[in-house]
PDB file of N, CA and C in Angstrom:
ATOM      1  N   UNK A   1     -18.912  -2.643  -4.336  1.00  0.00           N
ATOM      2  CA  UNK A   1     -17.542  -2.394  -4.455  1.00  0.00           C
ATOM      3  C   UNK A   1     -16.652  -3.217  -4.884  1.00  0.00           C
ATOM      4  N   UNK A   2     -15.608  -3.000  -6.014  1.00  0.00           N
ATOM      5  CA  UNK A   2     -15.145  -4.043  -6.492  1.00  0.00           C
ATOM      6  C   UNK A   2     -13.722  -4.063  -5.914  1.00  0.00           C
ATOM      7  N   UNK A   3     -13.043  -5.146  -5.804  1.00  0.00           N
ATOM      8  CA  UNK A   3     -11.800  -5.382  -5.454  1.00  0.00           C
ATOM      9  C   UNK A   3     -11.072  -6.141  -5.734  1.00  0.00           C
ATOM     10  N   UNK A   4      -9.950  -6.056  -6.779  1.00  0.00           N
ATOM     11  CA  UNK A   4      -9.186  -6.506  -7.211  1.00  0.00           C
ATOM     12  C   UNK A   4      -8.839  -8.053  -6.581  1.00  0.00           C
ATOM     13  N   UNK A   5      -8.979  -9.236  -7.484  1.00  0.00           N
ATOM     14  CA  UNK A   5      -8.401 -10.617  -6.581  1.00  0.00           C
ATOM     15  C   UNK A   5      -7.255 -11.026  -7.357  1.00  0.00           C
ATOM     16  N   UNK A   6      -6.189 -11.230  -6.450  1.00  0.00           N
ATOM     17  CA  UNK A   6      -5.110 -12.135  -6.760  1.00  0.00           C
ATOM     18  C   UNK A   6      -5.135 -13.321  -6.985  1.00  0.00           C
ATOM     19  N   UNK A   7      -5.413 -14.412  -7.579  1.00  0.00           N
ATOM     20  CA  UNK A   7      -5.613 -15.769  -7.371  1.00  0.00           C
ATOM     21  C   UNK A   7      -4.418 -15.847  -6.664  1.00  0.00           C
ATOM     22  N   UNK A   8      -3.778 -17.361  -7.107  1.00  0.00           N
ATOM     23  CA  UNK A   8      -2.664 -17.419  -6.560  1.00  0.00           C
ATOM     24  C   UNK A   8      -1.293 -16.853  -7.391  1.00  0.00           C
ATOM     25  N   UNK A   9      -0.195 -16.983  -6.675  1.00  0.00           N
ATOM     26  CA  UNK A   9       1.176 -16.560  -7.167  1.00  0.00           C
ATOM     27  C   UNK A   9       1.416 -17.094  -8.706  1.00  0.00           C
ATOM     28  N   UNK A  10       0.726 -18.294  -9.170  1.00  0.00           N
ATOM     29  CA  UNK A  10       0.834 -18.609 -10.186  1.00  0.00           C
ATOM     30  C   UNK A  10       1.193 -17.802 -11.654  1.00  0.00           C
ATOM     31  N   UNK A  11      -0.036 -17.169 -11.556  1.00  0.00           N
ATOM     32  CA  UNK A  11       0.046 -16.243 -12.949  1.00  0.00           C
ATOM     33  C   UNK A  11       1.018 -15.420 -12.699  1.00  0.00           C
ATOM     34  N   UNK A  12       1.185 -14.512 -11.829  1.00  0.00           N
ATOM     35  CA  UNK A  12       2.295 -13.807 -11.455  1.00  0.00           C
ATOM     36  C   UNK A  12       3.855 -14.557 -11.911  1.00  0.00           C
ATOM     37  N   UNK A  13       4.230 -15.514 -11.272  1.00  0.00           N
ATOM     38  CA  UNK A  13       5.301 -16.006 -11.539  1.00  0.00           C
ATOM     39  C   UNK A  13       5.632 -16.693 -13.094  1.00  0.00           C
ATOM     40  N   UNK A  14       4.575 -16.838 -13.789  1.00  0.00           N
ATOM     41  CA  UNK A  14       4.092 -17.574 -15.192  1.00  0.00           C
ATOM     42  C   UNK A  14       4.706 -16.407 -16.113  1.00  0.00           C
ATOM     43  N   UNK A  15       4.108 -15.137 -15.763  1.00  0.00           N
ATOM     44  CA  UNK A  15       4.615 -13.927 -16.636  1.00  0.00           C
ATOM     45  C   UNK A  15       5.951 -13.485 -16.118  1.00  0.00           C
ATOM     46  N   UNK A  16       6.446 -13.613 -15.122  1.00  0.00           N
ATOM     47  CA  UNK A  16       7.872 -13.250 -14.860  1.00  0.00           C
ATOM     48  C   UNK A  16       8.558 -14.216 -15.473  1.00  0.00           C
ATOM     49  N   UNK A  17       8.313 -15.165 -15.376  1.00  0.00           N
ATOM     50  CA  UNK A  17       9.322 -16.213 -15.985  1.00  0.00           C
ATOM     51  C   UNK A  17       9.770 -16.406 -17.401  1.00  0.00           C
ATOM     52  N   UNK A  18       8.712 -15.619 -17.886  1.00  0.00           N
ATOM     53  CA  UNK A  18       9.353 -15.084 -19.723  1.00  0.00           C
ATOM     54  C   UNK A  18      10.175 -14.439 -20.008  1.00  0.00           C
ATOM     55  N   UNK A  19      11.303 -15.273 -20.715  1.00  0.00           N
ATOM     56  CA  UNK A  19      12.607 -14.792 -21.531  1.00  0.00           C
ATOM     57  C   UNK A  19      12.539 -13.710 -22.275  1.00  0.00           C
ATOM     58  N   UNK A  20      11.424 -13.849 -23.019  1.00  0.00           N
ATOM     59  CA  UNK A  20      11.446 -12.353 -24.230  1.00  0.00           C
ATOM     60  C   UNK A  20      10.978 -11.103 -23.519  1.00  0.00           C
ATOM     61  N   UNK A  21      10.755 -11.351 -22.372  1.00  0.00           N
ATOM     62  CA  UNK A  21      10.002  -9.465 -21.805  1.00  0.00           C
ATOM     63  C   UNK A  21      11.177  -8.981 -21.154  1.00  0.00           C
ATOM     64  N   UNK A  22      11.038  -7.449 -21.826  1.00  0.00           N
ATOM     65  CA  UNK A  22      12.420  -6.578 -21.729  1.00  0.00           C
ATOM     66  C   UNK A  22      11.969  -6.165 -19.914  1.00  0.00           C
ATOM     67  N   UNK A  23      13.863  -5.973 -19.593  1.00  0.00           N
ATOM     68  CA  UNK A  23      13.638  -5.770 -18.184  1.00  0.00           C
ATOM     69  C   UNK A  23      12.691  -4.810 -17.810  1.00  0.00           C
ATOM     70  N   UNK A  24      12.603  -3.432 -18.595  1.00  0.00           N
ATOM     71  CA  UNK A  24      11.716  -2.414 -18.081  1.00  0.00           C
ATOM     72  C   UNK A  24      10.328  -3.254 -17.874  1.00  0.00           C
ATOM     73  N   UNK A  25       9.677  -3.685 -18.990  1.00  0.00           N
ATOM     74  CA  UNK A  25       8.594  -4.476 -18.460  1.00  0.00           C
ATOM     75  C   UNK A  25       8.562  -5.313 -17.402  1.00  0.00           C
ATOM     76  N   UNK A  26       9.555  -5.839 -17.261  1.00  0.00           N
ATOM     77  CA  UNK A  26       9.578  -6.898 -16.024  1.00  0.00           C
ATOM     78  C   UNK A  26       9.299  -6.217 -14.379  1.00  0.00           C
ATOM     79  N   UNK A  27       9.655  -5.175 -14.945  1.00  0.00           N
ATOM     80  CA  UNK A  27       9.956  -3.818 -13.307  1.00  0.00           C
ATOM     81  C   UNK A  27       8.167  -3.437 -13.486  1.00  0.00           C
ATOM     82  N   UNK A  28       8.092  -2.959 -14.284  1.00  0.00           N
ATOM     83  CA  UNK A  28       6.800  -2.841 -14.464  1.00  0.00           C
ATOM     84  C   UNK A  28       5.507  -3.743 -14.074  1.00  0.00           C
ATOM     85  N   UNK A  29       5.718  -4.807 -14.531  1.00  0.00           N
ATOM     86  CA  UNK A  29       4.780  -5.904 -14.383  1.00  0.00           C
ATOM     87  C   UNK A  29       4.758  -6.110 -12.491  1.00  0.00           C
ATOM     88  N   UNK A  30       6.125  -6.195 -12.145  1.00  0.00           N
ATOM     89  CA  UNK A  30       6.220  -6.436 -10.725  1.00  0.00           C
ATOM     90  C   UNK A  30       5.936  -5.366 -10.047  1.00  0.00           C
ATOM     91  N   UNK A  31       6.069  -4.402 -10.464  1.00  0.00           N
ATOM     92  CA  UNK A  31       5.580  -3.333  -9.622  1.00  0.00           C
ATOM     93  C   UNK A  31       3.624  -2.880  -9.607  1.00  0.00           C
ATOM     94  N   UNK A  32       3.160  -3.318 -10.550  1.00  0.00           N
ATOM     95  CA  UNK A  32       1.666  -3.410 -10.664  1.00  0.00           C
ATOM     96  C   UNK A  32       1.319  -4.627  -9.861  1.00  0.00           C
ATOM     97  N   UNK A  33       2.117  -5.459 -10.008  1.00  0.00           N
ATOM     98  CA  UNK A  33       1.564  -6.658  -8.980  1.00  0.00           C
ATOM     99  C   UNK A  33       1.559  -6.237  -7.702  1.00  0.00           C
ATOM    100  N   UNK A  34       2.667  -5.923  -7.242  1.00  0.00           N
ATOM    101  CA  UNK A  34       2.700  -5.404  -5.737  1.00  0.00           C
ATOM    102  C   UNK A  34       1.971  -4.056  -5.372  1.00  0.00           C
ATOM    103  N   UNK A  35       1.541  -3.022  -6.504  1.00  0.00           N
ATOM    104  CA  UNK A  35       0.511  -2.141  -5.821  1.00  0.00           C
ATOM    105  C   UNK A  35      -0.672  -2.626  -5.532  1.00  0.00           C
ATOM    106  N   UNK A  36      -1.153  -3.679  -6.700  1.00  0.00           N
ATOM    107  CA  UNK A  36      -2.349  -4.266  -6.443  1.00  0.00           C
ATOM    108  C   UNK A  36      -2.442  -4.822  -4.902  1.00  0.00           C
ATOM    109  N   UNK A  37      -1.511  -5.752  -4.683  1.00  0.00           N
ATOM    110  CA  UNK A  37      -1.325  -6.584  -3.513  1.00  0.00           C
ATOM    111  C   UNK A  37      -1.589  -5.671  -2.319  1.00  0.00           C
ATOM    112  N   UNK A  38      -0.779  -4.588  -2.413  1.00  0.00           N
ATOM    113  CA  UNK A  38      -1.255  -3.715  -1.454  1.00  0.00           C
ATOM    114  C   UNK A  38      -2.677  -2.961  -1.095  1.00  0.00           C
ATOM    115  N   UNK A  39      -2.993  -2.810  -2.311  1.00  0.00           N
ATOM    116  CA  UNK A  39      -4.422  -1.917  -2.323  1.00  0.00           C
ATOM    117  C   UNK A  39      -5.248  -2.936  -1.984  1.00  0.00           C
ATOM    118  N   UNK A  40      -5.128  -4.068  -2.401  1.00  0.00           N
ATOM    119  CA  UNK A  40      -6.206  -5.116  -1.617  1.00  0.00           C
ATOM    120  C   UNK A  40      -5.893  -5.295  -0.337  1.00  0.00           C
ATOM    121  N   UNK A  41      -4.747  -5.257   0.127  1.00  0.00           N
ATOM    122  CA  UNK A  41      -4.527  -5.495   1.532  1.00  0.00           C
ATOM    123  C   UNK A  41      -4.917  -4.192   2.648  1.00  0.00           C
ATOM    124  N   UNK A  42      -4.924  -3.256   2.359  1.00  0.00           N
ATOM    125  CA  UNK A  42      -5.359  -1.875   2.398  1.00  0.00           C
ATOM    126  C   UNK A  42      -6.935  -2.042   2.526  1.00  0.00           C
ATOM    127  N   UNK A  43      -7.593  -2.164   1.474  1.00  0.00           N
ATOM    128  CA  UNK A  43      -9.014  -2.351   1.586  1.00  0.00           C
ATOM    129  C   UNK A  43      -9.625  -3.321   2.474  1.00  0.00           C
ATOM    130  N   UNK A  44      -8.897  -4.282   2.317  1.00  0.00           N
ATOM    131  CA  UNK A  44      -9.599  -5.448   3.187  1.00  0.00           C
ATOM    132  C   UNK A  44      -9.617  -4.910   4.454  1.00  0.00           C
ATOM    133  N   UNK A  45      -8.284  -4.752   4.968  1.00  0.00           N
ATOM    134  CA  UNK A  45      -8.073  -4.243   6.365  1.00  0.00           C
ATOM    135  C   UNK A  45      -9.290  -3.298   6.906  1.00  0.00           C
ATOM    136  N   UNK A  46      -9.257  -2.216   5.746  1.00  0.00           N
ATOM    137  CA  UNK A  46     -10.142  -1.149   6.330  1.00  0.00           C
ATOM    138  C   UNK A  46     -11.577  -1.879   6.393  1.00  0.00           C
ATOM    139  N   UNK A  47     -12.140  -2.816   5.745  1.00  0.00           N
ATOM    140  CA  UNK A  47     -13.457  -3.268   5.759  1.00  0.00           C
ATOM    141  C   UNK A  47     -13.366  -4.217   7.034  1.00  0.00           C
ATOM    142  N   UNK A  48     -12.455  -4.545   7.176  1.00  0.00           N
ATOM    143  CA  UNK A  48     -12.092  -5.763   8.620  1.00  0.00           C
ATOM    144  C   UNK A  48     -12.781  -4.766   9.797  1.00  0.00           C
ATOM    145  N   UNK A  49     -12.080  -3.639   9.826  1.00  0.00           N
ATOM    146  CA  UNK A  49     -12.289  -2.808  10.852  1.00  0.00           C
ATOM    147  C   UNK A  49     -13.535  -2.211  11.128  1.00  0.00           C
ATOM    148  N   UNK A  50     -14.342  -2.607  10.384  1.00  0.00           N
ATOM    149  CA  UNK A  50     -15.888  -1.999   9.989  1.00  0.00           C
ATOM    150  C   UNK A  50     -16.759  -3.016  10.988  1.00  0.00           C
ATOM    151  N   UNK A  51     -16.508  -3.936  10.898  1.00  0.00           N
ATOM    152  CA  UNK A  51     -17.277  -5.298  11.282  1.00  0.00           C
ATOM    153  C   UNK A  51     -17.581  -5.374  12.924  1.00  0.00           C
ATOM    154  N   UNK A  52     -18.965  -6.011  12.545  1.00  0.00           N
ATOM    155  CA  UNK A  52     -19.241  -5.904  14.239  1.00  0.00           C
ATOM    156  C   UNK A  52     -18.484  -7.122  15.042  1.00  0.00           C
ATOM    157  N   UNK A  53     -18.848  -7.150  16.226  1.00  0.00           N
ATOM    158  CA  UNK A  53     -18.212  -8.395  16.797  1.00  0.00           C
ATOM    159  C   UNK A  53     -19.379  -9.808  16.398  1.00  0.00           C
ATOM    160  N   UNK A  54     -20.403  -9.674  15.790  1.00  0.00           N
ATOM    161  CA  UNK A  54     -21.305 -10.690  15.298  1.00  0.00           C
ATOM    162  C   UNK A  54     -20.679 -10.787  14.287  1.00  0.00           C
ATOM    163  N   UNK A  55     -20.528 -10.146  13.218  1.00  0.00           N
ATOM    164  CA  UNK A  55     -19.799 -10.261  11.883  1.00  0.00           C
ATOM    165  C   UNK A  55     -18.264 -11.020  12.128  1.00  0.00           C
ATOM    166  N   UNK A  56     -17.478 -10.475  13.130  1.00  0.00           N
ATOM    167  CA  UNK A  56     -16.392 -11.013  13.160  1.00  0.00           C
ATOM    168  C   UNK A  56     -16.484 -12.419  13.574  1.00  0.00           C
ATOM    169  N   UNK A  57     -17.353 -12.977  14.713  1.00  0.00           N
ATOM    170  CA  UNK A  57     -17.711 -14.036  14.906  1.00  0.00           C
ATOM    171  C   UNK A  57     -17.988 -15.179  13.687  1.00  0.00           C
ATOM    172  N   UNK A  58     -18.824 -14.574  12.727  1.00  0.00           N
ATOM    173  CA  UNK A  58     -19.383 -15.359  11.720  1.00  0.00           C
ATOM    174  C   UNK A  58     -18.040 -15.752  10.721  1.00  0.00           C
ATOM    175  N   UNK A  59     -17.135 -14.797  10.715  1.00  0.00           N
ATOM    176  CA  UNK A  59     -15.954 -15.537   9.822  1.00  0.00           C
ATOM    177  C   UNK A  59     -14.926 -15.866  10.486  1.00  0.00           C
ATOM    178  N   UNK A  60     -14.974 -16.336  12.160  1.00  0.00           N
ATOM    179  CA  UNK A  60     -14.109 -17.055  13.022  1.00  0.00           C
ATOM    180  C   UNK A  60     -12.883 -16.260  13.484  1.00  0.00           C
ATOM    181  N   UNK A  61     -13.485 -14.522  13.469  1.00  0.00           N
ATOM    182  CA  UNK A  61     -12.382 -14.062  14.323  1.00  0.00           C
ATOM    183  C   UNK A  61     -12.876 -13.504  15.459  1.00  0.00           C
ATOM    184  N   UNK A  62     -11.677 -13.303  16.533  1.00  0.00           N
ATOM    185  CA  UNK A  62     -12.289 -12.649  17.730  1.00  0.00           C
ATOM    186  C   UNK A  62     -12.017 -10.563  17.186  1.00  0.00           C
ATOM    187  N   UNK A  63     -12.584 -10.210  17.981  1.00  0.00           N
ATOM    188  CA  UNK A  63     -12.490  -8.554  17.790  1.00  0.00           C
ATOM    189  C   UNK A  63     -10.836  -8.233  17.944  1.00  0.00           C
ATOM    190  N   UNK A  64      -9.904  -9.445  18.978  1.00  0.00           N
ATOM    191  CA  UNK A  64      -8.672  -8.763  19.032  1.00  0.00           C
ATOM    192  C   UNK A  64      -7.791  -9.398  17.937  1.00  0.00           C
ATOM    193  N   UNK A  65      -8.080 -10.470  17.238  1.00  0.00           N
ATOM    194  CA  UNK A  65      -7.418 -10.875  16.082  1.00  0.00           C
ATOM    195  C   UNK A  65      -7.951  -9.752  14.832  1.00  0.00           C
ATOM    196  N   UNK A  66      -8.759  -9.598  14.917  1.00  0.00           N
ATOM    197  CA  UNK A  66      -9.087  -8.596  13.858  1.00  0.00           C
ATOM    198  C   UNK A  66      -8.479  -7.224  13.896  1.00  0.00           C
ATOM    199  N   UNK A  67      -8.278  -6.531  15.254  1.00  0.00           N
ATOM    200  CA  UNK A  67      -7.544  -5.699  15.872  1.00  0.00           C
ATOM    201  C   UNK A  67      -5.975  -5.518  15.127  1.00  0.00           C
ATOM    202  N   UNK A  68      -5.341  -7.114  15.601  1.00  0.00           N
ATOM    203  CA  UNK A  68      -4.005  -6.932  15.166  1.00  0.00           C
ATOM    204  C   UNK A  68      -3.972  -7.155  13.637  1.00  0.00           C
ATOM    205  N   UNK A  69      -4.977  -7.759  12.972  1.00  0.00           N
ATOM    206  CA  UNK A  69      -4.830  -7.885  11.511  1.00  0.00           C
ATOM    207  C   UNK A  69      -5.180  -6.357  10.719  1.00  0.00           C
ATOM    208  N   UNK A  70      -6.060  -5.716  11.380  1.00  0.00           N
ATOM    209  CA  UNK A  70      -6.136  -4.362  10.624  1.00  0.00           C
ATOM    210  C   UNK A  70      -5.057  -3.214  10.913  1.00  0.00           C
ATOM    211  N   UNK A  71      -4.215  -3.655  12.278  1.00  0.00           N
ATOM    212  CA  UNK A  71      -3.587  -2.705  12.665  1.00  0.00           C
ATOM    213  C   UNK A  71      -2.103  -2.894  11.666  1.00  0.00           C
ATOM    214  N   UNK A  72      -2.067  -3.893  10.994  1.00  0.00           N
ATOM    215  CA  UNK A  72      -0.803  -4.125  10.482  1.00  0.00           C
ATOM    216  C   UNK A  72      -0.730  -3.041   8.979  1.00  0.00           C
ATOM    217  N   UNK A  73       0.498  -2.439   8.661  1.00  0.00           N
ATOM    218  CA  UNK A  73       0.472  -1.621   7.437  1.00  0.00           C
ATOM    219  C   UNK A  73       0.516  -2.700   6.477  1.00  0.00           C
ATOM    220  N   UNK A  74       0.037  -1.737   5.164  1.00  0.00           N
ATOM    221  CA  UNK A  74      -0.166  -2.693   4.138  1.00  0.00           C
ATOM    222  C   UNK A  74       0.819  -3.419   3.602  1.00  0.00           C
ATOM    223  N   UNK A  75       1.812  -3.574   3.534  1.00  0.00           N
ATOM    224  CA  UNK A  75       3.007  -3.848   3.217  1.00  0.00           C
ATOM    225  C   UNK A  75       3.215  -5.451   3.524  1.00  0.00           C
ATOM    226  N   UNK A  76       2.851  -5.200   4.923  1.00  0.00           N
ATOM    227  CA  UNK A  76       3.023  -6.903   6.048  1.00  0.00           C
ATOM    228  C   UNK A  76       1.827  -7.913   5.409  1.00  0.00           C
ATOM    229  N   UNK A  77       2.424  -8.769   5.216  1.00  0.00           N
ATOM    230  CA  UNK A  77       1.352 -10.035   4.777  1.00  0.00           C
ATOM    231  C   UNK A  77       0.676 -10.281   6.273  1.00  0.00           C
TER     232      UNK A  77
END
């Protein structure tokens, strides 16, 4: 399964810092960024919900920590 990867926010910040970009393009870029971020959070949390206690232990999470994370809505970091 392919999941989009958002490196750090440097690429986004660099793109948004361009002065020659029309306002509508800036809005479109911002929306695309947030939709991608939200989609990544949603799919990651759904996958986290499916992990066994042993798999959670492998990544350093307790079942309770995992439950707290996958219970968050997609818009919350």
